[in-house]
Protein backbone atom coordinates (compact mmCIF):
# COMPACT_ATOMS: atom_id res chain seq x y z
CA UNK A 1 50.84 -43.78 71.60
CA UNK A 2 49.59 -47.03 73.13
CA UNK A 3 53.01 -48.81 72.45
CA UNK A 4 54.78 -45.94 74.16
CA UNK A 5 52.54 -46.07 77.20
CA UNK A 6 52.80 -49.92 77.46
CA UNK A 7 56.62 -49.68 77.14
CA UNK A 8 57.00 -46.90 79.61
CA UNK A 9 54.62 -48.69 82.18
CA UNK A 10 56.55 -52.06 81.91
CA UNK A 11 59.80 -50.34 82.43
CA UNK A 12 58.48 -48.30 85.42
CA UNK A 13 57.11 -51.43 86.94
CA UNK A 14 60.59 -53.12 86.64
CA UNK A 15 62.28 -50.07 87.96
CA UNK A 16 60.15 -49.71 91.06
CA UNK A 17 60.18 -53.39 92.28
CA UNK A 18 62.72 -52.75 94.67
CA UNK A 19 66.45 -54.00 95.04
CA UNK A 20 67.67 -51.19 92.76
CA UNK A 21 70.42 -49.06 93.98
CA UNK A 22 69.84 -45.26 93.05
CA UNK A 23 73.36 -45.01 91.51
CA UNK A 24 72.94 -48.07 89.25
CA UNK A 25 71.50 -47.15 85.85
CA UNK A 26 68.52 -49.01 84.51
CA UNK A 27 69.49 -50.79 81.37
CA UNK A 28 66.99 -51.14 78.69
CA UNK A 29 67.70 -53.43 75.70
CA UNK A 30 65.17 -52.98 72.85
CA UNK A 31 64.70 -53.74 69.16
CA UNK A 32 65.48 -50.94 66.67
CA UNK A 33 61.67 -50.89 65.95
CA UNK A 34 60.94 -48.90 69.08
CA UNK A 35 63.98 -46.53 69.04
CA UNK A 36 61.92 -43.59 67.83
CA UNK A 37 59.38 -44.08 70.81
CA UNK A 38 62.36 -43.90 73.15
CA UNK A 39 63.18 -40.36 72.18
CA UNK A 40 59.96 -39.51 74.15
CA UNK A 41 59.99 -42.32 76.77
CA UNK A 42 63.53 -42.15 77.98
CA UNK A 43 63.41 -38.86 79.67
CA UNK A 44 60.02 -39.73 81.17
CA UNK A 45 61.45 -42.95 82.51
CA UNK A 46 64.45 -41.27 83.94
CA UNK A 47 62.33 -38.65 85.54
CA UNK A 48 59.60 -41.05 87.11
CA UNK A 49 61.99 -43.64 88.12
CA UNK A 50 64.69 -41.46 89.49
CA UNK A 51 67.40 -43.75 88.13
CA UNK A 52 69.78 -43.15 85.35
CA UNK A 53 68.92 -44.96 82.06
CA UNK A 54 70.98 -46.62 79.65
CA UNK A 55 69.23 -47.63 76.31
CA UNK A 56 70.64 -49.92 73.84
CA UNK A 57 69.06 -50.78 70.51
CA UNK A 58 69.81 -53.92 68.42
CA UNK A 59 68.04 -55.92 65.76
CA UNK A 60 65.56 -58.58 66.98
CA UNK A 61 67.94 -61.28 65.63
CA UNK A 62 70.97 -59.81 67.42
CA UNK A 63 68.92 -59.87 70.71
CA UNK A 64 67.64 -63.36 70.27
CA UNK A 65 71.27 -64.40 69.59
CA UNK A 66 72.56 -62.73 72.66
CA UNK A 67 69.93 -64.16 74.88
CA UNK A 68 70.25 -67.86 73.64
CA UNK A 69 74.02 -67.56 74.08
CA UNK A 70 73.15 -67.22 77.89
CA UNK A 71 74.99 -63.79 77.71
CA UNK A 72 73.84 -60.47 79.06
CA UNK A 73 71.11 -58.98 76.96
């Protein structure tokens, strides 16, 4: 439960920092290790942020590769 709360809090903090258009989806890229938690978190994030949410899961290695290649996460 602590991990889910932490993930939700971090996502909400980022989503409410201003500069977000209401019609632009909040994009979450996470490791597959937290995929199960997002079953519960995604609806809460959508509800509390008021933003559409797109969640994409990948392995940690794939995320590191994408980030070091200077591409979009």
